[in-house]
All heavy atoms as atom14 arrays in JSON, in Angstrom:
{
  "sequence": "VIGVKETGNVNNPFIAEGITIEHMATYNYDIMKDQIAPYADPHVN",
  "atom14_mask": [
    [1, 1, 1, 1, 1, 1, 1, 0, 0, 0, 0, 0, 0, 0],
    [1, 1, 1, 1, 1, 1, 1, 1, 0, 0, 0, 0, 0, 0],
    [1, 1, 1, 1, 0, 0, 0, 0, 0, 0, 0, 0, 0, 0],
    [1, 1, 1, 1, 1, 1, 1, 0, 0, 0, 0, 0, 0, 0],
    [1, 1, 1, 1, 1, 1, 1, 1, 1, 0, 0, 0, 0, 0],
    [1, 1, 1, 1, 1, 1, 1, 1, 1, 0, 0, 0, 0, 0],
    [1, 1, 1, 1, 1, 1, 1, 0, 0, 0, 0, 0, 0, 0],
    [1, 1, 1, 1, 0, 0, 0, 0, 0, 0, 0, 0, 0, 0],
    [1, 1, 1, 1, 1, 1, 1, 1, 0, 0, 0, 0, 0, 0],
    [1, 1, 1, 1, 1, 1, 1, 0, 0, 0, 0, 0, 0, 0],
    [1, 1, 1, 1, 1, 1, 1, 1, 0, 0, 0, 0, 0, 0],
    [1, 1, 1, 1, 1, 1, 1, 1, 0, 0, 0, 0, 0, 0],
    [1, 1, 1, 1, 1, 1, 1, 0, 0, 0, 0, 0, 0, 0],
    [1, 1, 1, 1, 1, 1, 1, 1, 1, 1, 1, 0, 0, 0],
    [1, 1, 1, 1, 1, 1, 1, 1, 0, 0, 0, 0, 0, 0],
    [1, 1, 1, 1, 1, 0, 0, 0, 0, 0, 0, 0, 0, 0],
    [1, 1, 1, 1, 1, 1, 1, 1, 1, 0, 0, 0, 0, 0],
    [1, 1, 1, 1, 0, 0, 0, 0, 0, 0, 0, 0, 0, 0],
    [1, 1, 1, 1, 1, 1, 1, 1, 0, 0, 0, 0, 0, 0],
    [1, 1, 1, 1, 1, 1, 1, 0, 0, 0, 0, 0, 0, 0],
    [1, 1, 1, 1, 1, 1, 1, 1, 0, 0, 0, 0, 0, 0],
    [1, 1, 1, 1, 1, 1, 1, 1, 1, 0, 0, 0, 0, 0],
    [1, 1, 1, 1, 1, 1, 1, 1, 1, 1, 0, 0, 0, 0],
    [1, 1, 1, 1, 1, 1, 1, 1, 0, 0, 0, 0, 0, 0],
    [1, 1, 1, 1, 1, 0, 0, 0, 0, 0, 0, 0, 0, 0],
    [1, 1, 1, 1, 1, 1, 1, 0, 0, 0, 0, 0, 0, 0],
    [1, 1, 1, 1, 1, 1, 1, 1, 1, 1, 1, 1, 0, 0],
    [1, 1, 1, 1, 1, 1, 1, 1, 0, 0, 0, 0, 0, 0],
    [1, 1, 1, 1, 1, 1, 1, 1, 1, 1, 1, 1, 0, 0],
    [1, 1, 1, 1, 1, 1, 1, 1, 0, 0, 0, 0, 0, 0],
    [1, 1, 1, 1, 1, 1, 1, 1, 0, 0, 0, 0, 0, 0],
    [1, 1, 1, 1, 1, 1, 1, 1, 0, 0, 0, 0, 0, 0],
    [1, 1, 1, 1, 1, 1, 1, 1, 1, 0, 0, 0, 0, 0],
    [1, 1, 1, 1, 1, 1, 1, 1, 0, 0, 0, 0, 0, 0],
    [1, 1, 1, 1, 1, 1, 1, 1, 1, 0, 0, 0, 0, 0],
    [1, 1, 1, 1, 1, 1, 1, 1, 0, 0, 0, 0, 0, 0],
    [1, 1, 1, 1, 1, 0, 0, 0, 0, 0, 0, 0, 0, 0],
    [1, 1, 1, 1, 1, 1, 1, 0, 0, 0, 0, 0, 0, 0],
    [1, 1, 1, 1, 1, 1, 1, 1, 1, 1, 1, 1, 0, 0],
    [1, 1, 1, 1, 1, 0, 0, 0, 0, 0, 0, 0, 0, 0],
    [1, 1, 1, 1, 1, 1, 1, 1, 0, 0, 0, 0, 0, 0],
    [1, 1, 1, 1, 1, 1, 1, 0, 0, 0, 0, 0, 0, 0],
    [1, 1, 1, 1, 1, 1, 1, 1, 1, 1, 0, 0, 0, 0],
    [1, 1, 1, 1, 1, 1, 1, 0, 0, 0, 0, 0, 0, 0],
    [1, 1, 1, 1, 1, 1, 1, 1, 0, 0, 0, 0, 0, 0]
  ],
  "atom14_positions": [
    [[107.84, 33.49, 135.45], [106.37, 33.27, 135.01], [105.48, 33.5, 136.29], [105.73, 32.89, 137.33], [106.17, 31.82, 134.59], [104.69, 31.58, 134.19], [107.13, 31.42, 133.47], [0.0, 0.0, 0.0], [0.0, 0.0, 0.0], [0.0, 0.0, 0.0], [0.0, 0.0, 0.0], [0.0, 0.0, 0.0], [0.0, 0.0, 0.0], [0.0, 0.0, 0.0]],
    [[104.69, 34.55, 136.2], [103.76, 34.92, 137.3], [102.52, 34.19, 137.06], [101.76, 34.36, 136.12], [103.6, 36.44, 137.36], [104.85, 37.22, 137.15], [102.89, 36.78, 138.68], [105.82, 37.12, 138.25], [0.0, 0.0, 0.0], [0.0, 0.0, 0.0], [0.0, 0.0, 0.0], [0.0, 0.0, 0.0], [0.0, 0.0, 0.0], [0.0, 0.0, 0.0]],
    [[102.05, 33.48, 138.21], [100.69, 32.74, 138.01], [100.9, 31.27, 138.29], [99.94, 30.57, 138.17], [0.0, 0.0, 0.0], [0.0, 0.0, 0.0], [0.0, 0.0, 0.0], [0.0, 0.0, 0.0], [0.0, 0.0, 0.0], [0.0, 0.0, 0.0], [0.0, 0.0, 0.0], [0.0, 0.0, 0.0], [0.0, 0.0, 0.0], [0.0, 0.0, 0.0]],
    [[102.02, 30.89, 138.81], [102.35, 29.41, 139.01], [102.71, 29.27, 140.45], [103.73, 29.77, 140.9], [103.42, 28.87, 138.06], [103.61, 27.38, 138.42], [103.0, 28.92, 136.66], [0.0, 0.0, 0.0], [0.0, 0.0, 0.0], [0.0, 0.0, 0.0], [0.0, 0.0, 0.0], [0.0, 0.0, 0.0], [0.0, 0.0, 0.0], [0.0, 0.0, 0.0]],
    [[101.98, 28.51, 141.3], [102.2, 28.4, 142.69], [102.89, 27.11, 142.94], [102.56, 26.07, 142.45], [100.8, 28.46, 143.4], [100.8, 28.37, 144.81], [99.28, 28.44, 145.5], [99.41, 28.42, 146.95], [98.18, 28.52, 147.62], [0.0, 0.0, 0.0], [0.0, 0.0, 0.0], [0.0, 0.0, 0.0], [0.0, 0.0, 0.0], [0.0, 0.0, 0.0]],
    [[103.78, 27.45, 144.03], [104.51, 26.12, 144.48], [103.74, 25.49, 145.61], [103.08, 26.14, 146.43], [105.81, 26.63, 145.12], [106.78, 25.46, 145.29], [108.18, 25.77, 145.69], [108.42, 27.1, 145.55], [108.93, 25.01, 145.93], [0.0, 0.0, 0.0], [0.0, 0.0, 0.0], [0.0, 0.0, 0.0], [0.0, 0.0, 0.0], [0.0, 0.0, 0.0]],
    [[103.46, 24.06, 145.4], [102.56, 23.36, 146.25], [103.2, 22.7, 147.52], [102.57, 22.51, 148.55], [101.85, 22.29, 145.64], [102.82, 21.31, 145.21], [101.09, 22.85, 144.25], [0.0, 0.0, 0.0], [0.0, 0.0, 0.0], [0.0, 0.0, 0.0], [0.0, 0.0, 0.0], [0.0, 0.0, 0.0], [0.0, 0.0, 0.0], [0.0, 0.0, 0.0]],
    [[104.54, 22.48, 147.42], [105.21, 21.77, 148.38], [105.13, 20.15, 148.36], [105.65, 19.56, 149.09], [0.0, 0.0, 0.0], [0.0, 0.0, 0.0], [0.0, 0.0, 0.0], [0.0, 0.0, 0.0], [0.0, 0.0, 0.0], [0.0, 0.0, 0.0], [0.0, 0.0, 0.0], [0.0, 0.0, 0.0], [0.0, 0.0, 0.0], [0.0, 0.0, 0.0]],
    [[104.35, 19.75, 147.44], [104.06, 18.36, 147.08], [105.23, 17.82, 146.04], [105.47, 18.41, 145.05], [102.73, 18.12, 146.41], [102.42, 16.73, 146.17], [103.38, 15.89, 145.99], [101.13, 16.43, 146.18], [0.0, 0.0, 0.0], [0.0, 0.0, 0.0], [0.0, 0.0, 0.0], [0.0, 0.0, 0.0], [0.0, 0.0, 0.0], [0.0, 0.0, 0.0]],
    [[106.04, 16.86, 146.66], [107.06, 16.3, 145.81], [106.62, 15.75, 144.42], [107.35, 16.1, 143.35], [107.89, 15.22, 146.54], [109.01, 14.68, 145.67], [108.41, 15.72, 147.92], [0.0, 0.0, 0.0], [0.0, 0.0, 0.0], [0.0, 0.0, 0.0], [0.0, 0.0, 0.0], [0.0, 0.0, 0.0], [0.0, 0.0, 0.0], [0.0, 0.0, 0.0]],
    [[105.53, 15.18, 144.44], [104.95, 14.66, 143.12], [104.35, 15.56, 142.1], [104.35, 15.41, 140.95], [103.89, 13.47, 143.35], [104.48, 12.4, 144.21], [105.75, 12.03, 144.02], [103.75, 11.89, 145.1], [0.0, 0.0, 0.0], [0.0, 0.0, 0.0], [0.0, 0.0, 0.0], [0.0, 0.0, 0.0], [0.0, 0.0, 0.0], [0.0, 0.0, 0.0]],
    [[103.85, 16.74, 142.8], [103.16, 17.7, 142.05], [103.62, 19.03, 142.53], [102.87, 19.84, 143.17], [101.62, 17.51, 142.1], [100.9, 18.08, 140.82], [101.58, 18.27, 139.86], [99.66, 17.99, 140.83], [0.0, 0.0, 0.0], [0.0, 0.0, 0.0], [0.0, 0.0, 0.0], [0.0, 0.0, 0.0], [0.0, 0.0, 0.0], [0.0, 0.0, 0.0]],
    [[104.81, 19.45, 142.31], [105.45, 20.66, 143.05], [104.78, 22.05, 142.54], [104.79, 23.02, 143.33], [106.89, 20.62, 142.59], [106.93, 19.83, 141.43], [105.85, 18.81, 141.36], [0.0, 0.0, 0.0], [0.0, 0.0, 0.0], [0.0, 0.0, 0.0], [0.0, 0.0, 0.0], [0.0, 0.0, 0.0], [0.0, 0.0, 0.0], [0.0, 0.0, 0.0]],
    [[104.12, 22.07, 141.42], [103.55, 23.43, 140.98], [102.13, 23.24, 140.41], [101.88, 22.16, 139.88], [104.54, 24.04, 139.85], [105.89, 24.41, 140.3], [106.92, 23.6, 140.03], [106.18, 25.47, 141.12], [108.18, 23.73, 140.38], [107.39, 25.8, 141.59], [108.46, 24.9, 141.21], [0.0, 0.0, 0.0], [0.0, 0.0, 0.0], [0.0, 0.0, 0.0]],
    [[101.37, 24.24, 140.56], [100.11, 24.39, 140.0], [99.7, 25.67, 139.32], [100.22, 26.78, 139.84], [99.02, 24.18, 141.07], [97.67, 24.09, 140.5], [99.03, 25.18, 142.13], [96.51, 23.61, 141.39], [0.0, 0.0, 0.0], [0.0, 0.0, 0.0], [0.0, 0.0, 0.0], [0.0, 0.0, 0.0], [0.0, 0.0, 0.0], [0.0, 0.0, 0.0]],
    [[99.3, 25.58, 138.09], [99.13, 26.79, 137.18], [97.82, 27.33, 137.59], [96.82, 26.94, 137.02], [99.33, 26.52, 135.74], [0.0, 0.0, 0.0], [0.0, 0.0, 0.0], [0.0, 0.0, 0.0], [0.0, 0.0, 0.0], [0.0, 0.0, 0.0], [0.0, 0.0, 0.0], [0.0, 0.0, 0.0], [0.0, 0.0, 0.0], [0.0, 0.0, 0.0]],
    [[97.7, 28.39, 138.47], [96.58, 29.14, 138.82], [96.24, 30.37, 138.0], [95.1, 30.81, 137.97], [96.64, 29.39, 140.36], [96.69, 28.25, 141.28], [96.72, 28.7, 142.73], [97.21, 29.75, 143.07], [96.25, 27.96, 143.57], [0.0, 0.0, 0.0], [0.0, 0.0, 0.0], [0.0, 0.0, 0.0], [0.0, 0.0, 0.0], [0.0, 0.0, 0.0]],
    [[97.29, 30.92, 137.49], [97.05, 32.22, 136.63], [97.31, 33.46, 137.56], [97.39, 33.3, 138.83], [0.0, 0.0, 0.0], [0.0, 0.0, 0.0], [0.0, 0.0, 0.0], [0.0, 0.0, 0.0], [0.0, 0.0, 0.0], [0.0, 0.0, 0.0], [0.0, 0.0, 0.0], [0.0, 0.0, 0.0], [0.0, 0.0, 0.0], [0.0, 0.0, 0.0]],
    [[97.31, 34.59, 136.88], [97.56, 35.83, 137.65], [96.24, 36.63, 137.8], [95.48, 36.55, 136.83], [98.7, 36.68, 136.99], [99.06, 37.91, 137.71], [98.29, 36.97, 135.5], [100.19, 38.78, 137.24], [0.0, 0.0, 0.0], [0.0, 0.0, 0.0], [0.0, 0.0, 0.0], [0.0, 0.0, 0.0], [0.0, 0.0, 0.0], [0.0, 0.0, 0.0]],
    [[96.02, 37.25, 138.82], [94.61, 37.98, 139.05], [94.82, 39.31, 138.27], [95.97, 39.81, 137.9], [94.52, 38.35, 140.48], [95.45, 39.3, 141.01], [94.55, 37.17, 141.36], [0.0, 0.0, 0.0], [0.0, 0.0, 0.0], [0.0, 0.0, 0.0], [0.0, 0.0, 0.0], [0.0, 0.0, 0.0], [0.0, 0.0, 0.0], [0.0, 0.0, 0.0]],
    [[93.69, 39.88, 137.93], [93.63, 41.04, 137.13], [94.25, 42.21, 137.94], [94.95, 42.99, 137.41], [92.15, 41.38, 136.84], [91.55, 40.41, 135.84], [91.92, 42.77, 136.14], [90.03, 40.48, 135.62], [0.0, 0.0, 0.0], [0.0, 0.0, 0.0], [0.0, 0.0, 0.0], [0.0, 0.0, 0.0], [0.0, 0.0, 0.0], [0.0, 0.0, 0.0]],
    [[93.99, 42.13, 139.24], [94.5, 43.24, 140.09], [96.1, 43.21, 140.16], [96.65, 44.3, 140.01], [94.0, 43.15, 141.63], [92.5, 43.28, 141.71], [91.63, 42.08, 141.31], [92.29, 40.93, 141.3], [90.5, 42.23, 140.98], [0.0, 0.0, 0.0], [0.0, 0.0, 0.0], [0.0, 0.0, 0.0], [0.0, 0.0, 0.0], [0.0, 0.0, 0.0]],
    [[96.57, 42.03, 140.29], [98.09, 41.89, 140.17], [98.6, 42.26, 138.86], [99.71, 42.99, 138.8], [98.5, 40.48, 140.61], [98.37, 40.28, 142.13], [98.28, 38.95, 142.71], [97.97, 41.08, 143.2], [98.06, 38.98, 143.94], [97.89, 40.21, 144.3], [0.0, 0.0, 0.0], [0.0, 0.0, 0.0], [0.0, 0.0, 0.0], [0.0, 0.0, 0.0]],
    [[97.98, 41.78, 137.83], [98.45, 42.08, 136.45], [98.58, 43.59, 136.2], [99.55, 44.01, 135.65], [97.54, 41.44, 135.39], [97.91, 41.77, 133.99], [99.23, 40.53, 133.47], [98.27, 39.18, 133.07], [0.0, 0.0, 0.0], [0.0, 0.0, 0.0], [0.0, 0.0, 0.0], [0.0, 0.0, 0.0], [0.0, 0.0, 0.0], [0.0, 0.0, 0.0]],
    [[97.7, 44.46, 136.76], [97.69, 45.8, 136.58], [98.86, 46.56, 137.13], [99.29, 47.62, 136.73], [96.43, 46.39, 137.11], [0.0, 0.0, 0.0], [0.0, 0.0, 0.0], [0.0, 0.0, 0.0], [0.0, 0.0, 0.0], [0.0, 0.0, 0.0], [0.0, 0.0, 0.0], [0.0, 0.0, 0.0], [0.0, 0.0, 0.0], [0.0, 0.0, 0.0]],
    [[99.59, 45.83, 138.07], [100.73, 46.49, 138.72], [102.0, 46.43, 137.91], [103.0, 47.08, 138.23], [100.99, 45.9, 140.14], [101.49, 44.59, 140.0], [99.76, 46.01, 140.98], [0.0, 0.0, 0.0], [0.0, 0.0, 0.0], [0.0, 0.0, 0.0], [0.0, 0.0, 0.0], [0.0, 0.0, 0.0], [0.0, 0.0, 0.0], [0.0, 0.0, 0.0]],
    [[102.04, 45.57, 136.88], [103.08, 45.29, 135.96], [103.2, 46.31, 134.83], [102.66, 46.04, 133.81], [103.26, 43.92, 135.56], [103.53, 42.86, 136.62], [102.49, 42.4, 137.48], [104.86, 42.43, 137.01], [102.69, 41.49, 138.49], [105.04, 41.61, 137.99], [103.98, 41.24, 138.81], [104.23, 40.27, 139.8], [0.0, 0.0, 0.0], [0.0, 0.0, 0.0]],
    [[103.82, 47.44, 135.08], [104.0, 48.5, 134.07], [105.39, 48.5, 133.63], [106.3, 48.8, 134.46], [103.53, 49.83, 134.68], [103.63, 51.02, 133.65], [104.74, 51.37, 133.23], [102.56, 51.61, 133.33], [0.0, 0.0, 0.0], [0.0, 0.0, 0.0], [0.0, 0.0, 0.0], [0.0, 0.0, 0.0], [0.0, 0.0, 0.0], [0.0, 0.0, 0.0]],
    [[105.7, 48.31, 132.38], [106.95, 48.19, 131.8], [107.87, 49.38, 132.18], [108.99, 49.22, 132.57], [106.96, 47.88, 130.29], [108.36, 47.91, 129.69], [109.06, 46.72, 129.71], [108.88, 49.02, 129.09], [110.26, 46.7, 129.09], [110.1, 48.97, 128.53], [110.93, 47.88, 128.6], [112.1, 47.79, 127.95], [0.0, 0.0, 0.0], [0.0, 0.0, 0.0]],
    [[107.33, 50.7, 131.82], [108.25, 51.78, 132.14], [108.57, 51.99, 133.57], [109.66, 52.29, 133.94], [107.46, 53.05, 131.54], [107.34, 53.16, 130.12], [108.25, 52.51, 129.49], [106.22, 53.6, 129.54], [0.0, 0.0, 0.0], [0.0, 0.0, 0.0], [0.0, 0.0, 0.0], [0.0, 0.0, 0.0], [0.0, 0.0, 0.0], [0.0, 0.0, 0.0]],
    [[107.57, 51.73, 134.42], [107.85, 51.83, 135.93], [108.91, 50.78, 136.35], [109.8, 51.06, 137.02], [106.53, 51.75, 136.65], [105.67, 53.04, 136.47], [106.87, 51.5, 138.23], [104.29, 52.87, 137.07], [0.0, 0.0, 0.0], [0.0, 0.0, 0.0], [0.0, 0.0, 0.0], [0.0, 0.0, 0.0], [0.0, 0.0, 0.0], [0.0, 0.0, 0.0]],
    [[108.64, 49.56, 135.93], [109.52, 48.46, 136.17], [111.06, 48.74, 135.66], [111.98, 48.52, 136.43], [109.1, 47.13, 135.58], [107.84, 46.66, 136.07], [107.12, 45.26, 135.15], [108.2, 44.0, 135.36], [0.0, 0.0, 0.0], [0.0, 0.0, 0.0], [0.0, 0.0, 0.0], [0.0, 0.0, 0.0], [0.0, 0.0, 0.0], [0.0, 0.0, 0.0]],
    [[111.18, 49.24, 134.48], [112.45, 49.57, 133.98], [113.15, 50.67, 134.79], [114.29, 50.53, 135.08], [112.32, 50.17, 132.46], [113.62, 50.17, 131.78], [113.65, 49.18, 130.61], [114.91, 49.47, 129.84], [115.51, 48.19, 129.45], [0.0, 0.0, 0.0], [0.0, 0.0, 0.0], [0.0, 0.0, 0.0], [0.0, 0.0, 0.0], [0.0, 0.0, 0.0]],
    [[112.38, 51.73, 135.21], [113.01, 52.79, 135.96], [113.28, 52.27, 137.34], [114.4, 52.76, 137.91], [111.96, 53.85, 136.24], [111.7, 54.66, 134.88], [112.48, 54.65, 134.01], [110.71, 55.4, 134.86], [0.0, 0.0, 0.0], [0.0, 0.0, 0.0], [0.0, 0.0, 0.0], [0.0, 0.0, 0.0], [0.0, 0.0, 0.0], [0.0, 0.0, 0.0]],
    [[112.68, 51.32, 137.9], [112.87, 50.83, 139.27], [114.13, 49.83, 139.29], [114.87, 49.7, 140.19], [111.66, 50.23, 139.94], [110.62, 51.21, 140.28], [109.34, 50.57, 140.88], [109.29, 49.42, 140.86], [108.44, 51.41, 141.4], [0.0, 0.0, 0.0], [0.0, 0.0, 0.0], [0.0, 0.0, 0.0], [0.0, 0.0, 0.0], [0.0, 0.0, 0.0]],
    [[114.15, 49.08, 138.22], [115.42, 48.09, 138.07], [116.72, 48.85, 137.78], [117.78, 48.44, 138.26], [115.08, 46.94, 136.99], [114.0, 46.11, 137.51], [116.3, 46.17, 136.68], [114.3, 45.12, 138.54], [0.0, 0.0, 0.0], [0.0, 0.0, 0.0], [0.0, 0.0, 0.0], [0.0, 0.0, 0.0], [0.0, 0.0, 0.0], [0.0, 0.0, 0.0]],
    [[116.65, 49.84, 137.05], [117.85, 50.52, 136.53], [118.84, 50.99, 137.64], [120.06, 50.69, 137.51], [117.47, 51.84, 135.75], [0.0, 0.0, 0.0], [0.0, 0.0, 0.0], [0.0, 0.0, 0.0], [0.0, 0.0, 0.0], [0.0, 0.0, 0.0], [0.0, 0.0, 0.0], [0.0, 0.0, 0.0], [0.0, 0.0, 0.0], [0.0, 0.0, 0.0]],
    [[118.49, 51.44, 138.86], [119.46, 51.84, 139.75], [120.21, 50.7, 140.38], [121.23, 50.85, 141.12], [118.66, 52.47, 140.9], [117.3, 52.85, 140.26], [117.06, 51.91, 139.17], [0.0, 0.0, 0.0], [0.0, 0.0, 0.0], [0.0, 0.0, 0.0], [0.0, 0.0, 0.0], [0.0, 0.0, 0.0], [0.0, 0.0, 0.0], [0.0, 0.0, 0.0]],
    [[119.75, 49.38, 140.15], [120.4, 48.22, 140.62], [121.44, 47.55, 139.78], [122.18, 46.72, 140.15], [119.49, 47.21, 141.15], [118.57, 47.62, 142.36], [117.37, 48.22, 142.07], [118.96, 47.36, 143.61], [116.52, 48.7, 143.14], [118.18, 47.79, 144.62], [117.04, 48.39, 144.45], [116.28, 48.75, 145.51], [0.0, 0.0, 0.0], [0.0, 0.0, 0.0]],
    [[121.35, 47.89, 138.41], [122.05, 47.11, 137.41], [123.01, 48.05, 136.64], [122.62, 49.09, 136.12], [121.1, 46.51, 136.62], [0.0, 0.0, 0.0], [0.0, 0.0, 0.0], [0.0, 0.0, 0.0], [0.0, 0.0, 0.0], [0.0, 0.0, 0.0], [0.0, 0.0, 0.0], [0.0, 0.0, 0.0], [0.0, 0.0, 0.0], [0.0, 0.0, 0.0]],
    [[124.21, 47.52, 136.45], [125.13, 48.18, 135.55], [125.89, 47.12, 134.7], [126.54, 46.16, 135.25], [126.22, 48.97, 136.37], [127.24, 49.58, 135.38], [126.87, 50.04, 134.3], [128.4, 49.82, 135.73], [0.0, 0.0, 0.0], [0.0, 0.0, 0.0], [0.0, 0.0, 0.0], [0.0, 0.0, 0.0], [0.0, 0.0, 0.0], [0.0, 0.0, 0.0]],
    [[125.7, 47.11, 133.26], [124.8, 47.95, 132.47], [123.4, 47.62, 132.82], [123.02, 46.78, 133.65], [125.17, 47.78, 131.16], [125.91, 46.39, 131.09], [126.52, 46.2, 132.51], [0.0, 0.0, 0.0], [0.0, 0.0, 0.0], [0.0, 0.0, 0.0], [0.0, 0.0, 0.0], [0.0, 0.0, 0.0], [0.0, 0.0, 0.0], [0.0, 0.0, 0.0]],
    [[122.49, 48.13, 132.04], [120.95, 47.98, 132.25], [120.54, 46.65, 131.88], [121.23, 45.94, 131.09], [120.14, 49.06, 131.43], [120.36, 48.87, 129.93], [121.38, 49.36, 129.38], [119.62, 48.27, 129.05], [121.29, 49.05, 128.05], [120.12, 48.4, 127.84], [0.0, 0.0, 0.0], [0.0, 0.0, 0.0], [0.0, 0.0, 0.0], [0.0, 0.0, 0.0]],
    [[119.49, 46.18, 132.33], [118.85, 44.9, 132.11], [117.66, 45.01, 131.11], [116.78, 45.94, 131.1], [118.15, 44.31, 133.39], [117.36, 42.99, 133.11], [119.25, 44.0, 134.46], [0.0, 0.0, 0.0], [0.0, 0.0, 0.0], [0.0, 0.0, 0.0], [0.0, 0.0, 0.0], [0.0, 0.0, 0.0], [0.0, 0.0, 0.0], [0.0, 0.0, 0.0]],
    [[117.73, 44.23, 129.96], [116.6, 44.27, 129.0], [115.65, 43.19, 129.16], [116.06, 41.99, 129.5], [117.32, 43.99, 127.58], [118.18, 45.21, 127.13], [117.82, 46.3, 127.24], [119.34, 44.9, 126.61], [0.0, 0.0, 0.0], [0.0, 0.0, 0.0], [0.0, 0.0, 0.0], [0.0, 0.0, 0.0], [0.0, 0.0, 0.0], [0.0, 0.0, 0.0]]
  ]
}
C-alpha cells in the first residue's frame, strides 16, 4: 500500500497520508512488469 507513512510512534505507528499525483504517475503497469520480470522465475502476477 503506497501512501501510508511509518511514524516511529509505538501507540500510532502509521499515518494514512495518501500518494502524491507526481508519484502516482510513475506506476505504469507495463513498465513495472517488464522491470520485475528479469528478477523472477516464474513471473510475478
